[in-house]
Amino acid sequence: MKPSCELFSERFRTAPSLPLLGVLLLGLAVAWPAEPQEAPAAPTKAQPQNHNEVRKAIQWKRFDYTCENGAKVTVYLHDTMAKVRYEDHVYLMKQTMSADGSRYSDGKTVWWGKGEGGFLQEDTPDGSGEMILKDCVLEKPVAADTVTGTITYLVRMALPTQATVQVQLLGMARSDALATVIAQEKFALGTKQVPIPFTLKYNPAKIESTHSYSVSAKVFLGSEVKFASDQVYPVLTKGNPSNVDLILKPAKP
């Protein structure tokens, strides 16, 4: 058995030299595949903004008043705010404390509504400001009745969409009296085809049971009358209906 010092000497002689070992290690470093690098993340698209978050328009409630000497004033209310329109003036006001009624002020002018009345006044600390409008009374909406029916013509032709239709409710107190227009409705023909339906609103307070009433219609193309009713279609009084079907004839040039 060889001594340990001889074995160590022999192994050292058989081991590769240090320069050769360095070359081998360098070759391994070059040949060894590099770790794959992570690809850069694709740029993300900007998130679209939500355009639906739009403030809703303020819903105002409208009140019309007739004041002294027939003057008109319109009051629009929303929560604690008021818009008062008189002639060419518009006052934007906020509700203020009051012992009676609803008081609105912009610091210079006050609208004070009480029940179905009100007044417009200069706003002063002692309440003795100059009166702008007084004795204002709320106008109540007029109930409306309707005459309905259809309009047609027998000529085979299509009218352009820009044609307009005019329907009138006519009243005649006596046979020799000129017809008066009680109500009128005018609308664009658009894509409507004959028979064209219509609804004509009128104030029932203008109808007298002893008078006669009829409905007439015309179709215009610009200012030119293309079709018109050429006979009387009685409605409403003396046993006549509130629904009528009109047949129009080509207008005479």
Protein backbone atom coordinates (compact mmCIF):
# COMPACT_ATOMS: atom_id res chain seq x y z
CA MET A 1 0.00 0.00 0.00
CA LYS A 2 1.31 3.39 -1.05
CA PRO A 3 1.66 6.11 1.47
CA SER A 4 -0.95 8.88 1.40
CA CYS A 5 1.55 11.45 0.26
CA GLU A 6 2.38 9.36 -2.80
CA LEU A 7 -1.31 8.85 -3.63
CA PHE A 8 -1.91 12.60 -3.45
CA SER A 9 1.09 13.25 -5.65
CA GLU A 10 -0.15 10.73 -8.23
CA ARG A 11 -3.67 12.16 -8.32
CA PHE A 12 -2.34 15.65 -8.77
CA ARG A 13 -0.28 14.51 -11.72
CA THR A 14 -3.26 12.79 -13.39
CA ALA A 15 -5.68 15.75 -12.78
CA PRO A 16 -6.14 18.21 -15.64
CA SER A 17 -4.10 21.32 -15.47
CA LEU A 18 -5.68 24.54 -14.23
CA PRO A 19 -5.53 26.33 -17.61
CA LEU A 20 -7.23 23.41 -19.28
CA LEU A 21 -9.89 23.38 -16.57
CA GLY A 22 -10.56 27.06 -17.16
CA VAL A 23 -11.03 26.50 -20.90
CA LEU A 24 -13.48 23.69 -20.20
CA LEU A 25 -15.52 25.83 -17.82
CA LEU A 26 -15.61 28.71 -20.33
CA GLY A 27 -16.85 26.35 -23.06
CA LEU A 28 -19.62 25.10 -20.81
CA ALA A 29 -20.69 28.67 -20.06
CA VAL A 30 -20.89 29.53 -23.76
CA ALA A 31 -22.65 26.32 -24.79
CA TRP A 32 -25.14 26.28 -21.91
CA PRO A 33 -28.48 27.67 -23.10
CA ALA A 34 -29.39 30.98 -21.54
CA GLU A 35 -32.57 31.19 -19.51
CA PRO A 36 -35.43 32.51 -21.63
CA GLN A 37 -36.22 36.11 -20.82
CA GLU A 38 -39.78 37.12 -20.22
CA ALA A 39 -41.32 39.04 -23.14
CA PRO A 40 -42.34 42.63 -22.30
CA ALA A 41 -46.00 42.96 -21.53
CA ALA A 42 -48.12 44.32 -24.34
CA PRO A 43 -49.38 47.82 -23.67
CA THR A 44 -52.89 47.75 -22.33
CA LYS A 45 -55.60 49.76 -24.01
CA ALA A 46 -56.94 52.69 -22.12
CA GLN A 47 -60.26 51.88 -20.55
CA PRO A 48 -63.07 53.81 -22.24
CA GLN A 49 -64.66 56.40 -20.07
CA ASN A 50 -68.23 55.96 -19.07
CA HIS A 51 -70.06 58.69 -20.92
CA ASN A 52 -73.41 57.69 -19.44
CA GLU A 53 -72.69 59.56 -16.24
CA VAL A 54 -74.37 62.72 -17.46
CA ARG A 55 -76.39 64.92 -15.20
CA LYS A 56 -80.06 64.75 -15.96
CA ALA A 57 -81.78 67.93 -16.98
CA ILE A 58 -83.74 69.64 -14.22
CA GLN A 59 -87.44 68.90 -14.45
CA TRP A 60 -89.28 72.16 -13.81
CA LYS A 61 -92.98 72.38 -13.02
CA ARG A 62 -94.66 75.23 -14.85
CA PHE A 63 -97.36 77.53 -13.44
CA ASP A 64 -98.95 80.33 -15.46
CA TYR A 65 -100.55 83.33 -13.74
CA THR A 66 -102.69 86.23 -14.94
CA CYS A 67 -102.13 89.37 -12.89
CA GLU A 68 -103.56 92.87 -12.62
CA ASN A 69 -104.37 94.51 -15.98
CA GLY A 70 -103.97 91.15 -17.73
CA ALA A 71 -100.21 90.89 -17.19
CA LYS A 72 -98.81 87.39 -17.53
CA VAL A 73 -96.13 85.75 -15.40
CA THR A 74 -94.80 82.18 -15.56
CA VAL A 75 -93.25 80.47 -12.54
CA TYR A 76 -91.11 77.32 -12.85
CA LEU A 77 -90.49 75.36 -9.65
CA HIS A 78 -87.98 72.63 -8.80
CA ASP A 79 -87.30 71.59 -5.20
CA THR A 80 -86.25 74.83 -3.45
CA MET A 81 -85.59 76.78 -6.66
CA ALA A 82 -87.83 79.00 -8.78
CA LYS A 83 -87.52 80.68 -12.17
CA VAL A 84 -89.91 83.58 -12.64
CA ARG A 85 -90.41 84.86 -16.18
CA TYR A 86 -92.07 88.24 -16.65
CA GLU A 87 -91.85 90.09 -19.98
CA ASP A 88 -88.16 89.92 -20.95
CA HIS A 89 -86.93 89.31 -17.38
CA VAL A 90 -86.05 85.93 -15.87
CA TYR A 91 -85.47 85.83 -12.11
CA LEU A 92 -83.63 82.81 -10.65
CA MET A 93 -84.61 82.50 -7.00
CA LYS A 94 -84.20 80.29 -3.95
CA GLN A 95 -86.88 79.49 -1.41
CA THR A 96 -86.67 81.48 1.81
CA MET A 97 -88.38 81.31 5.17
CA SER A 98 -91.95 82.58 5.28
CA ALA A 99 -94.80 82.42 7.75
CA ASP A 100 -97.36 82.07 4.98
CA GLY A 101 -97.20 80.63 1.46
CA SER A 102 -94.07 79.95 -0.59
CA ARG A 103 -91.52 82.75 -0.75
CA TYR A 104 -88.66 82.80 -3.30
CA SER A 105 -86.02 85.50 -3.61
CA ASP A 106 -82.82 86.34 -5.49
CA GLY A 107 -81.93 89.04 -2.97
CA LYS A 108 -83.44 91.83 -5.05
CA THR A 109 -86.83 90.51 -6.14
CA VAL A 110 -89.27 88.20 -4.41
CA TRP A 111 -92.03 85.97 -5.74
CA TRP A 112 -94.57 85.11 -3.08
CA GLY A 113 -97.08 82.43 -3.96
CA LYS A 114 -100.11 81.94 -1.74
CA GLY A 115 -102.59 79.24 -2.64
CA GLU A 116 -103.63 79.88 -6.25
CA GLY A 117 -102.39 83.48 -6.18
CA GLY A 118 -99.18 85.41 -5.82
CA PHE A 119 -97.28 88.63 -6.42
CA LEU A 120 -93.88 89.86 -7.60
CA GLN A 121 -92.21 92.55 -5.50
CA GLU A 122 -88.88 94.22 -4.81
CA ASP A 123 -87.23 92.44 -1.88
CA THR A 124 -86.54 94.74 1.06
CA PRO A 125 -85.82 93.91 4.72
CA ASP A 126 -89.07 95.49 5.93
CA GLY A 127 -91.20 93.95 3.13
CA SER A 128 -92.30 97.34 1.79
CA GLY A 129 -90.59 97.06 -1.60
CA GLU A 130 -92.24 98.36 -4.76
CA MET A 131 -94.89 96.03 -6.17
CA ILE A 132 -94.03 94.75 -9.66
CA LEU A 133 -97.05 92.48 -10.20
CA LYS A 134 -100.01 91.94 -7.94
CA ASP A 135 -103.33 90.11 -7.85
CA CYS A 136 -101.83 87.19 -9.81
CA VAL A 137 -104.21 84.24 -10.22
CA LEU A 138 -103.14 80.76 -11.29
CA GLU A 139 -104.47 79.76 -14.69
CA LYS A 140 -106.07 76.34 -14.64
CA PRO A 141 -105.47 74.09 -17.66
CA VAL A 142 -108.41 73.93 -20.02
CA ALA A 143 -109.91 70.50 -20.45
CA ALA A 144 -109.84 69.45 -24.09
CA ASP A 145 -112.08 67.16 -26.07
CA THR A 146 -111.16 65.59 -29.39
CA VAL A 147 -112.46 64.94 -32.87
CA THR A 148 -110.79 61.94 -34.49
CA GLY A 149 -110.87 60.35 -37.91
CA THR A 150 -108.90 59.55 -41.05
CA ILE A 151 -107.93 61.36 -44.23
CA THR A 152 -107.59 59.68 -47.62
CA TYR A 153 -107.62 60.51 -51.32
CA LEU A 154 -108.56 58.29 -54.25
CA VAL A 155 -105.81 59.29 -56.67
CA ARG A 156 -103.05 56.73 -57.08
CA MET A 157 -100.00 58.74 -56.20
CA ALA A 158 -97.57 58.93 -53.32
CA LEU A 159 -96.91 62.29 -51.73
CA PRO A 160 -93.37 63.23 -50.66
CA THR A 161 -92.56 63.02 -46.97
CA GLN A 162 -92.29 66.82 -46.67
CA ALA A 163 -95.99 67.27 -47.47
CA THR A 164 -98.09 68.67 -44.60
CA VAL A 165 -101.65 67.93 -43.51
CA GLN A 166 -103.98 70.56 -42.06
CA VAL A 167 -107.19 69.62 -40.23
CA GLN A 168 -109.70 72.21 -39.02
CA LEU A 169 -112.80 72.15 -36.85
CA LEU A 170 -115.15 74.76 -38.28
CA GLY A 171 -118.20 76.33 -36.67
CA MET A 172 -121.13 78.09 -38.29
CA ALA A 173 -123.76 79.86 -36.19
CA ARG A 174 -126.17 80.44 -39.11
CA SER A 175 -126.39 79.11 -42.61
CA ASP A 176 -125.38 82.47 -44.05
CA ALA A 177 -122.49 83.05 -41.64
CA LEU A 178 -118.87 82.54 -42.55
CA ALA A 179 -117.22 79.47 -41.02
CA THR A 180 -115.00 80.18 -38.01
CA VAL A 181 -112.01 78.06 -37.04
CA ILE A 182 -112.62 76.48 -33.61
CA ALA A 183 -109.48 74.34 -33.60
CA GLN A 184 -106.69 73.49 -36.01
CA GLU A 185 -103.93 70.90 -36.26
CA LYS A 186 -101.09 70.83 -38.78
CA PHE A 187 -98.53 68.05 -39.03
CA ALA A 188 -95.94 66.65 -41.43
CA LEU A 189 -97.01 63.69 -43.55
CA GLY A 190 -93.67 61.94 -43.11
CA THR A 191 -93.88 58.24 -43.90
CA LYS A 192 -97.61 58.01 -43.21
CA GLN A 193 -99.78 56.42 -45.89
CA VAL A 194 -103.49 56.86 -46.50
CA PRO A 195 -105.74 56.54 -44.65
CA ILE A 196 -103.95 59.08 -42.45
CA PRO A 197 -105.25 59.17 -38.84
CA PHE A 198 -105.74 62.50 -37.06
CA THR A 199 -106.73 63.75 -33.61
CA LEU A 200 -107.99 67.32 -33.30
CA LYS A 201 -108.21 68.81 -29.80
CA TYR A 202 -110.71 71.57 -29.07
CA ASN A 203 -112.03 73.53 -26.10
CA PRO A 204 -115.55 72.25 -25.30
CA ALA A 205 -116.45 75.67 -23.91
CA LYS A 206 -116.45 76.95 -27.51
CA ILE A 207 -119.10 74.46 -28.63
CA GLU A 208 -122.78 75.43 -28.52
CA SER A 209 -125.43 72.78 -28.98
CA THR A 210 -127.53 74.99 -31.29
CA HIS A 211 -124.67 75.57 -33.74
CA SER A 212 -123.37 73.34 -36.50
CA TYR A 213 -119.77 72.15 -36.79
CA SER A 214 -117.78 70.33 -39.42
CA VAL A 215 -114.25 69.09 -40.14
CA SER A 216 -112.24 69.97 -43.23
CA ALA A 217 -108.73 69.00 -44.32
CA LYS A 218 -106.07 69.97 -46.84
CA VAL A 219 -102.76 68.48 -47.95
CA PHE A 220 -100.01 70.97 -48.80
CA LEU A 221 -96.80 70.59 -50.72
CA GLY A 222 -94.94 73.69 -49.71
CA SER A 223 -97.52 76.48 -50.03
CA GLU A 224 -99.46 74.68 -52.77
CA VAL A 225 -102.68 72.84 -51.90
CA LYS A 226 -102.58 69.38 -53.51
CA PHE A 227 -105.74 67.86 -51.99
CA ALA A 228 -108.71 69.33 -50.13
CA SER A 229 -112.09 68.24 -48.78
CA ASP A 230 -114.89 69.49 -51.04
CA GLN A 231 -117.92 68.58 -48.94
CA VAL A 232 -119.23 69.16 -45.42
CA TYR A 233 -118.43 66.53 -42.78
CA PRO A 234 -120.67 67.43 -39.79
CA VAL A 235 -119.52 66.55 -36.25
CA LEU A 236 -120.35 66.95 -32.55
CA THR A 237 -123.78 68.60 -32.31
CA LYS A 238 -127.27 67.69 -33.55
CA GLY A 239 -126.62 63.98 -33.30
CA ASN A 240 -123.40 64.03 -35.33
CA PRO A 241 -120.40 61.89 -34.29
CA SER A 242 -116.97 62.95 -33.05
CA ASN A 243 -115.25 60.56 -35.45
CA VAL A 244 -115.27 61.14 -39.21
CA ASP A 245 -113.49 59.78 -42.29
CA LEU A 246 -112.60 62.44 -44.86
CA ILE A 247 -112.07 61.81 -48.57
CA LEU A 248 -110.04 64.55 -50.24
CA LYS A 249 -110.11 65.51 -53.90
CA PRO A 250 -107.31 67.00 -56.01
CA ALA A 251 -107.29 70.74 -55.56
CA LYS A 252 -108.24 72.80 -58.57
CA PRO A 253 -105.33 74.77 -60.02
